[in-house]
Amino acid sequence: MLSLRSAEGWGNDVRDLFNQILDNTDNLEIPLSHTSLIQMAIFSPLYQPLGKKGEEDIYVADAVKKLLDKGASIEKAILNDKVVSELGYALDTEQQHVSQLLFCYGANKDLLNESRQQKLTELGEFECDTQFTAPQMLHEDL
């Protein structure tokens, strides 16, 4: 079983929540206070496997998709006590698959400033039917 044993600055409730998501727990309830779960998933070392350059973020997208499927907010994240756009945050951190996934899940691109709108345009055309799921074999290797 894959688990999140330690994440500096995260409370036990957040670690437990990630472990439930990884275990594909049904009927998971996201506490209202956790509006930045996607932001945490983006930087979780759990979702940064070694792989081909430029493809690492598919694993982050896989984690984010699990969070979205469990009800995490796609419109906002709390970062340094400021509310920011999840899509803008993903674009700023160059998480291409995450950005595409958030866009496909309906993140509001109107909340983006001009430079972030440009970054979204630079992603090019993509199909929202694309599966954002990392290969299971590599998840087990983690």
N, C-alpha and C. Protein backbone atom coordinates (compact mmCIF):
# COMPACT_ATOMS: atom_id res chain seq x y z
N MET A 1 0.84 -1.18 0.00
CA MET A 1 0.00 0.00 0.00
C MET A 1 0.88 1.24 0.00
N LEU A 2 0.56 2.16 -0.86
CA LEU A 2 1.27 3.42 -0.95
C LEU A 2 0.71 4.37 0.08
N SER A 3 1.58 5.03 0.84
CA SER A 3 1.07 5.97 1.83
C SER A 3 1.98 7.18 1.92
N LEU A 4 1.41 8.24 2.41
CA LEU A 4 2.14 9.48 2.61
C LEU A 4 2.54 9.50 4.08
N ARG A 5 3.79 9.14 4.35
CA ARG A 5 4.24 9.01 5.73
C ARG A 5 4.58 10.35 6.37
N SER A 6 5.20 11.21 5.61
CA SER A 6 5.64 12.47 6.20
C SER A 6 5.57 13.57 5.16
N ALA A 7 5.01 14.67 5.53
CA ALA A 7 4.98 15.85 4.67
C ALA A 7 5.10 17.04 5.61
N GLU A 8 6.24 17.68 5.55
CA GLU A 8 6.52 18.77 6.48
C GLU A 8 5.44 19.85 6.38
N GLY A 9 4.92 20.23 7.52
CA GLY A 9 3.93 21.29 7.56
C GLY A 9 2.50 20.82 7.35
N TRP A 10 2.30 19.55 7.10
CA TRP A 10 0.95 19.03 6.89
C TRP A 10 0.48 18.37 8.17
N GLY A 11 -0.74 18.60 8.55
CA GLY A 11 -1.32 17.95 9.72
C GLY A 11 -1.68 16.51 9.41
N ASN A 12 -1.92 15.75 10.47
CA ASN A 12 -2.30 14.35 10.29
C ASN A 12 -3.56 14.20 9.46
N ASP A 13 -4.50 15.16 9.59
CA ASP A 13 -5.75 15.07 8.84
C ASP A 13 -5.51 15.14 7.34
N VAL A 14 -4.56 15.98 6.91
CA VAL A 14 -4.26 16.08 5.48
C VAL A 14 -3.56 14.82 5.00
N ARG A 15 -2.59 14.32 5.77
CA ARG A 15 -1.91 13.08 5.38
C ARG A 15 -2.91 11.93 5.30
N ASP A 16 -3.80 11.84 6.28
CA ASP A 16 -4.81 10.78 6.26
C ASP A 16 -5.71 10.90 5.03
N LEU A 17 -6.05 12.13 4.68
CA LEU A 17 -6.89 12.35 3.51
C LEU A 17 -6.19 11.89 2.24
N PHE A 18 -4.91 12.22 2.08
CA PHE A 18 -4.17 11.76 0.91
C PHE A 18 -4.09 10.23 0.89
N ASN A 19 -3.85 9.62 2.04
CA ASN A 19 -3.77 8.16 2.09
C ASN A 19 -5.10 7.53 1.68
N GLN A 20 -6.22 8.12 2.09
CA GLN A 20 -7.53 7.61 1.69
C GLN A 20 -7.71 7.73 0.18
N ILE A 21 -7.27 8.85 -0.38
CA ILE A 21 -7.39 9.05 -1.82
C ILE A 21 -6.55 8.01 -2.56
N LEU A 22 -5.33 7.79 -2.10
CA LEU A 22 -4.47 6.80 -2.74
C LEU A 22 -5.06 5.39 -2.65
N ASP A 23 -5.76 5.12 -1.58
CA ASP A 23 -6.39 3.82 -1.40
C ASP A 23 -7.73 3.73 -2.12
N ASN A 24 -8.08 4.80 -2.85
CA ASN A 24 -9.35 4.85 -3.59
C ASN A 24 -10.56 4.67 -2.67
N THR A 25 -10.48 5.27 -1.50
CA THR A 25 -11.59 5.21 -0.56
C THR A 25 -12.83 5.86 -1.17
N ASP A 26 -13.95 5.18 -1.10
CA ASP A 26 -15.21 5.75 -1.58
C ASP A 26 -15.82 6.64 -0.52
N ASN A 27 -16.71 7.51 -0.95
CA ASN A 27 -17.45 8.39 -0.05
C ASN A 27 -16.56 9.27 0.81
N LEU A 28 -15.48 9.74 0.24
CA LEU A 28 -14.56 10.60 0.97
C LEU A 28 -15.15 12.00 1.08
N GLU A 29 -15.08 12.58 2.24
CA GLU A 29 -15.57 13.94 2.43
C GLU A 29 -14.38 14.87 2.58
N ILE A 30 -14.32 15.90 1.74
CA ILE A 30 -13.25 16.88 1.80
C ILE A 30 -13.66 17.96 2.79
N PRO A 31 -12.91 18.17 3.86
CA PRO A 31 -13.26 19.24 4.79
C PRO A 31 -13.21 20.60 4.11
N LEU A 32 -14.13 21.49 4.46
CA LEU A 32 -14.19 22.81 3.84
C LEU A 32 -12.91 23.60 4.05
N SER A 33 -12.20 23.34 5.13
CA SER A 33 -10.97 24.09 5.40
C SER A 33 -9.83 23.71 4.47
N HIS A 34 -9.97 22.62 3.73
CA HIS A 34 -8.90 22.17 2.85
C HIS A 34 -9.17 22.57 1.41
N THR A 35 -9.08 23.86 1.14
CA THR A 35 -9.32 24.33 -0.22
C THR A 35 -8.05 24.31 -1.06
N SER A 36 -6.92 23.94 -0.48
CA SER A 36 -5.67 23.97 -1.24
C SER A 36 -5.09 22.57 -1.45
N LEU A 37 -5.92 21.56 -1.47
CA LEU A 37 -5.41 20.20 -1.66
C LEU A 37 -4.73 20.02 -3.01
N ILE A 38 -5.26 20.66 -4.04
CA ILE A 38 -4.64 20.52 -5.36
C ILE A 38 -3.26 21.14 -5.34
N GLN A 39 -3.15 22.31 -4.72
CA GLN A 39 -1.85 22.97 -4.60
C GLN A 39 -0.86 22.06 -3.87
N MET A 40 -1.30 21.39 -2.82
CA MET A 40 -0.40 20.49 -2.09
C MET A 40 -0.03 19.28 -2.94
N ALA A 41 -0.97 18.76 -3.71
CA ALA A 41 -0.68 17.61 -4.57
C ALA A 41 0.36 17.95 -5.61
N ILE A 42 0.32 19.18 -6.12
CA ILE A 42 1.26 19.59 -7.16
C ILE A 42 2.70 19.47 -6.66
N PHE A 43 2.92 19.80 -5.39
CA PHE A 43 4.28 19.78 -4.87
C PHE A 43 4.60 18.58 -3.98
N SER A 44 3.68 17.64 -3.88
CA SER A 44 3.93 16.46 -3.06
C SER A 44 5.02 15.61 -3.70
N PRO A 45 6.07 15.27 -2.95
CA PRO A 45 7.11 14.41 -3.51
C PRO A 45 6.58 13.03 -3.88
N LEU A 46 5.44 12.67 -3.33
CA LEU A 46 4.81 11.40 -3.64
C LEU A 46 4.47 11.29 -5.12
N TYR A 47 4.24 12.44 -5.78
CA TYR A 47 3.81 12.44 -7.18
C TYR A 47 4.88 12.99 -8.11
N GLN A 48 6.14 12.84 -7.75
CA GLN A 48 7.23 13.30 -8.59
C GLN A 48 8.16 12.14 -8.93
N PRO A 49 7.68 11.17 -9.69
CA PRO A 49 8.53 10.02 -10.02
C PRO A 49 9.59 10.39 -11.05
N LEU A 50 10.63 9.59 -11.07
CA LEU A 50 11.64 9.77 -12.10
C LEU A 50 11.05 9.27 -13.41
N GLY A 51 11.32 9.97 -14.46
CA GLY A 51 10.78 9.58 -15.75
C GLY A 51 11.36 10.43 -16.84
N LYS A 52 10.75 10.36 -17.99
CA LYS A 52 11.20 11.15 -19.12
C LYS A 52 11.00 12.63 -18.84
N LYS A 53 11.97 13.42 -19.20
CA LYS A 53 11.88 14.86 -19.00
C LYS A 53 10.64 15.39 -19.70
N GLY A 54 9.89 16.19 -18.98
CA GLY A 54 8.69 16.78 -19.56
C GLY A 54 7.43 15.96 -19.36
N GLU A 55 7.57 14.74 -18.85
CA GLU A 55 6.39 13.89 -18.65
C GLU A 55 6.07 13.67 -17.17
N GLU A 56 6.89 14.22 -16.27
CA GLU A 56 6.70 13.97 -14.85
C GLU A 56 5.35 14.45 -14.35
N ASP A 57 4.84 15.53 -14.93
CA ASP A 57 3.62 16.11 -14.38
C ASP A 57 2.37 15.29 -14.69
N ILE A 58 2.46 14.25 -15.50
CA ILE A 58 1.30 13.38 -15.69
C ILE A 58 0.96 12.69 -14.37
N TYR A 59 1.97 12.43 -13.53
CA TYR A 59 1.74 11.82 -12.23
C TYR A 59 1.09 12.80 -11.27
N VAL A 60 1.48 14.06 -11.38
CA VAL A 60 0.84 15.10 -10.58
C VAL A 60 -0.61 15.24 -11.03
N ALA A 61 -0.84 15.22 -12.34
CA ALA A 61 -2.20 15.32 -12.87
C ALA A 61 -3.05 14.15 -12.38
N ASP A 62 -2.45 12.98 -12.29
CA ASP A 62 -3.16 11.81 -11.78
C ASP A 62 -3.62 12.05 -10.34
N ALA A 63 -2.74 12.62 -9.53
CA ALA A 63 -3.09 12.93 -8.13
C ALA A 63 -4.17 13.99 -8.07
N VAL A 64 -4.02 15.02 -8.89
CA VAL A 64 -5.00 16.10 -8.91
C VAL A 64 -6.36 15.58 -9.36
N LYS A 65 -6.36 14.70 -10.36
CA LYS A 65 -7.62 14.12 -10.83
C LYS A 65 -8.33 13.37 -9.71
N LYS A 66 -7.57 12.62 -8.91
CA LYS A 66 -8.16 11.91 -7.78
C LYS A 66 -8.78 12.89 -6.79
N LEU A 67 -8.09 14.00 -6.56
CA LEU A 67 -8.62 15.02 -5.65
C LEU A 67 -9.89 15.64 -6.21
N LEU A 68 -9.89 15.94 -7.50
CA LEU A 68 -11.08 16.52 -8.13
C LEU A 68 -12.25 15.56 -8.08
N ASP A 69 -11.97 14.29 -8.35
CA ASP A 69 -13.02 13.28 -8.31
C ASP A 69 -13.61 13.12 -6.91
N LYS A 70 -12.83 13.48 -5.90
CA LYS A 70 -13.30 13.40 -4.51
C LYS A 70 -13.93 14.70 -4.03
N GLY A 71 -13.96 15.73 -4.90
CA GLY A 71 -14.66 16.95 -4.54
C GLY A 71 -13.83 18.16 -4.18
N ALA A 72 -12.53 18.12 -4.43
CA ALA A 72 -11.69 19.29 -4.13
C ALA A 72 -12.07 20.45 -5.04
N SER A 73 -11.89 21.66 -4.56
CA SER A 73 -12.22 22.86 -5.32
C SER A 73 -11.21 23.09 -6.43
N ILE A 74 -11.71 23.45 -7.62
CA ILE A 74 -10.79 23.77 -8.72
C ILE A 74 -10.64 25.26 -8.92
N GLU A 75 -11.38 26.06 -8.20
CA GLU A 75 -11.34 27.50 -8.44
C GLU A 75 -10.36 28.24 -7.56
N LYS A 76 -10.02 27.68 -6.40
CA LYS A 76 -9.15 28.46 -5.53
C LYS A 76 -8.23 27.56 -4.71
N ALA A 77 -7.12 28.15 -4.34
CA ALA A 77 -6.17 27.52 -3.44
C ALA A 77 -5.75 28.58 -2.44
N ILE A 78 -5.36 28.15 -1.28
CA ILE A 78 -4.84 29.09 -0.30
C ILE A 78 -3.32 28.98 -0.34
N LEU A 79 -2.66 30.08 -0.64
CA LEU A 79 -1.21 30.10 -0.74
C LEU A 79 -0.72 31.33 0.00
N ASN A 80 0.00 31.10 1.09
CA ASN A 80 0.48 32.21 1.92
C ASN A 80 -0.66 33.13 2.33
N ASP A 81 -1.76 32.53 2.75
CA ASP A 81 -2.96 33.25 3.21
C ASP A 81 -3.62 34.09 2.13
N LYS A 82 -3.32 33.84 0.87
CA LYS A 82 -3.98 34.52 -0.24
C LYS A 82 -4.76 33.49 -1.04
N VAL A 83 -5.91 33.89 -1.53
CA VAL A 83 -6.69 33.01 -2.39
C VAL A 83 -6.20 33.21 -3.82
N VAL A 84 -5.80 32.13 -4.45
CA VAL A 84 -5.30 32.19 -5.82
C VAL A 84 -6.06 31.18 -6.68
N SER A 85 -6.02 31.38 -7.98
CA SER A 85 -6.64 30.46 -8.93
C SER A 85 -5.81 29.19 -9.03
N GLU A 86 -6.46 28.03 -8.90
CA GLU A 86 -5.74 26.76 -9.06
C GLU A 86 -5.13 26.65 -10.46
N LEU A 87 -5.89 27.05 -11.48
CA LEU A 87 -5.39 26.99 -12.85
C LEU A 87 -4.19 27.91 -13.02
N GLY A 88 -4.28 29.11 -12.50
CA GLY A 88 -3.16 30.05 -12.57
C GLY A 88 -1.93 29.51 -11.87
N TYR A 89 -2.16 28.87 -10.73
CA TYR A 89 -1.06 28.30 -9.95
C TYR A 89 -0.38 27.17 -10.74
N ALA A 90 -1.17 26.32 -11.37
CA ALA A 90 -0.62 25.23 -12.18
C ALA A 90 0.17 25.78 -13.37
N LEU A 91 -0.35 26.83 -14.00
CA LEU A 91 0.36 27.45 -15.12
C LEU A 91 1.68 28.06 -14.67
N ASP A 92 1.66 28.74 -13.53
CA ASP A 92 2.88 29.37 -13.01
C ASP A 92 3.95 28.36 -12.67
N THR A 93 3.55 27.17 -12.25
CA THR A 93 4.52 26.14 -11.88
C THR A 93 4.80 25.18 -13.04
N GLU A 94 4.35 25.55 -14.23
CA GLU A 94 4.61 24.81 -15.46
C GLU A 94 4.15 23.35 -15.39
N GLN A 95 3.04 23.13 -14.74
CA GLN A 95 2.43 21.80 -14.69
C GLN A 95 1.44 21.70 -15.85
N GLN A 96 1.94 21.32 -17.03
CA GLN A 96 1.11 21.35 -18.23
C GLN A 96 -0.08 20.41 -18.14
N HIS A 97 0.14 19.17 -17.74
CA HIS A 97 -0.97 18.22 -17.66
C HIS A 97 -1.99 18.66 -16.61
N VAL A 98 -1.50 19.21 -15.51
CA VAL A 98 -2.41 19.69 -14.47
C VAL A 98 -3.23 20.86 -15.00
N SER A 99 -2.57 21.76 -15.71
CA SER A 99 -3.28 22.91 -16.29
C SER A 99 -4.37 22.44 -17.25
N GLN A 100 -4.02 21.49 -18.12
CA GLN A 100 -5.00 20.96 -19.06
C GLN A 100 -6.16 20.29 -18.32
N LEU A 101 -5.82 19.51 -17.30
CA LEU A 101 -6.84 18.82 -16.52
C LEU A 101 -7.79 19.80 -15.86
N LEU A 102 -7.25 20.84 -15.22
CA LEU A 102 -8.09 21.84 -14.56
C LEU A 102 -8.98 22.56 -15.56
N PHE A 103 -8.42 22.88 -16.73
CA PHE A 103 -9.20 23.53 -17.77
C PHE A 103 -10.35 22.61 -18.21
N CYS A 104 -10.03 21.33 -18.42
CA CYS A 104 -11.05 20.37 -18.85
C CYS A 104 -12.12 20.15 -17.79
N TYR A 105 -11.76 20.30 -16.54
CA TYR A 105 -12.73 20.15 -15.45
C TYR A 105 -13.53 21.42 -15.21
N GLY A 106 -13.27 22.45 -16.02
CA GLY A 106 -14.09 23.65 -15.95
C GLY A 106 -13.53 24.80 -15.14
N ALA A 107 -12.23 24.81 -14.87
CA ALA A 107 -11.64 25.94 -14.15
C ALA A 107 -11.88 27.22 -14.95
N ASN A 108 -12.18 28.28 -14.26
CA ASN A 108 -12.54 29.55 -14.90
C ASN A 108 -11.31 30.27 -15.42
N LYS A 109 -11.13 30.26 -16.74
CA LYS A 109 -9.96 30.93 -17.32
C LYS A 109 -10.09 32.45 -17.27
N ASP A 110 -11.29 32.96 -17.02
CA ASP A 110 -11.48 34.40 -16.91
C ASP A 110 -10.84 34.97 -15.65
N LEU A 111 -10.51 34.11 -14.69
CA LEU A 111 -9.84 34.56 -13.47
C LEU A 111 -8.35 34.78 -13.67
N LEU A 112 -7.84 34.40 -14.86
CA LEU A 112 -6.41 34.50 -15.13
C LEU A 112 -6.03 35.88 -15.63
N ASN A 113 -4.85 36.35 -15.22
CA ASN A 113 -4.36 37.61 -15.76
C ASN A 113 -3.84 37.36 -17.18
N GLU A 114 -3.39 38.42 -17.85
CA GLU A 114 -3.01 38.32 -19.26
C GLU A 114 -1.84 37.36 -19.49
N SER A 115 -0.84 37.39 -18.63
CA SER A 115 0.32 36.50 -18.83
C SER A 115 -0.07 35.03 -18.64
N ARG A 116 -0.98 34.76 -17.71
CA ARG A 116 -1.44 33.38 -17.52
C ARG A 116 -2.33 32.95 -18.67
N GLN A 117 -3.14 33.86 -19.21
CA GLN A 117 -3.95 33.55 -20.40
C GLN A 117 -3.03 33.14 -21.54
N GLN A 118 -1.90 33.85 -21.68
CA GLN A 118 -0.93 33.54 -22.73
C GLN A 118 -0.34 32.15 -22.51
N LYS A 119 0.01 31.82 -21.26
CA LYS A 119 0.55 30.49 -20.96
C LYS A 119 -0.46 29.40 -21.32
N LEU A 120 -1.73 29.66 -21.05
CA LEU A 120 -2.78 28.69 -21.38
C LEU A 120 -2.85 28.50 -22.89
N THR A 121 -2.76 29.59 -23.64
CA THR A 121 -2.77 29.54 -25.10
C THR A 121 -1.57 28.75 -25.61
N GLU A 122 -0.41 28.92 -24.96
CA GLU A 122 0.82 28.24 -25.38
C GLU A 122 0.76 26.73 -25.18
N LEU A 123 -0.17 26.26 -24.38
CA LEU A 123 -0.33 24.81 -24.21
C LEU A 123 -0.80 24.15 -25.50
N GLY A 124 -1.36 24.97 -26.40
CA GLY A 124 -1.84 24.45 -27.67
C GLY A 124 -3.17 23.74 -27.52
N GLU A 125 -3.57 23.07 -28.57
CA GLU A 125 -4.83 22.35 -28.55
C GLU A 125 -4.63 20.99 -27.88
N PHE A 126 -5.61 20.59 -27.12
CA PHE A 126 -5.57 19.28 -26.49
C PHE A 126 -7.00 18.78 -26.33
N GLU A 127 -7.11 17.48 -26.26
CA GLU A 127 -8.42 16.84 -26.13
C GLU A 127 -8.76 16.67 -24.66
N CYS A 128 -9.93 17.13 -24.28
CA CYS A 128 -10.34 16.96 -22.89
C CYS A 128 -10.73 15.52 -22.58
N ASP A 129 -10.83 14.69 -23.60
CA ASP A 129 -11.10 13.28 -23.37
C ASP A 129 -9.84 12.51 -23.00
N THR A 130 -8.69 13.17 -23.07
CA THR A 130 -7.42 12.53 -22.74
C THR A 130 -7.47 12.01 -21.31
N GLN A 131 -6.95 10.83 -21.11
CA GLN A 131 -6.90 10.27 -19.76
C GLN A 131 -5.70 10.84 -19.02
N PHE A 132 -5.94 11.37 -17.85
CA PHE A 132 -4.88 11.93 -17.03
C PHE A 132 -4.54 10.94 -15.92
N THR A 133 -4.21 9.73 -16.31
CA THR A 133 -3.93 8.68 -15.33
C THR A 133 -2.53 8.13 -15.57
N ALA A 134 -1.74 8.16 -14.52
CA ALA A 134 -0.37 7.65 -14.62
C ALA A 134 -0.39 6.13 -14.68
N PRO A 135 0.61 5.53 -15.34
CA PRO A 135 0.68 4.07 -15.38
C PRO A 135 0.75 3.49 -13.97
N GLN A 136 -0.05 2.50 -13.69
CA GLN A 136 -0.14 1.91 -12.35
C GLN A 136 1.19 1.30 -11.92
N MET A 137 1.91 0.72 -12.85
CA MET A 137 3.16 0.05 -12.51
C MET A 137 4.11 1.01 -11.81
N LEU A 138 4.24 2.23 -12.30
CA LEU A 138 5.16 3.17 -11.69
C LEU A 138 4.66 3.65 -10.34
N HIS A 139 3.36 3.73 -10.16
CA HIS A 139 2.83 4.08 -8.84
C HIS A 139 3.27 3.04 -7.81
N GLU A 140 3.23 1.77 -8.19
CA GLU A 140 3.61 0.71 -7.27
C GLU A 140 5.09 0.77 -6.94
N ASP A 141 5.90 1.22 -7.90
CA ASP A 141 7.34 1.34 -7.67
C ASP A 141 7.69 2.45 -6.69
N LEU A 142 6.80 3.42 -6.53
CA LEU A 142 7.07 4.52 -5.61
C LEU A 142 7.04 4.01 -4.19
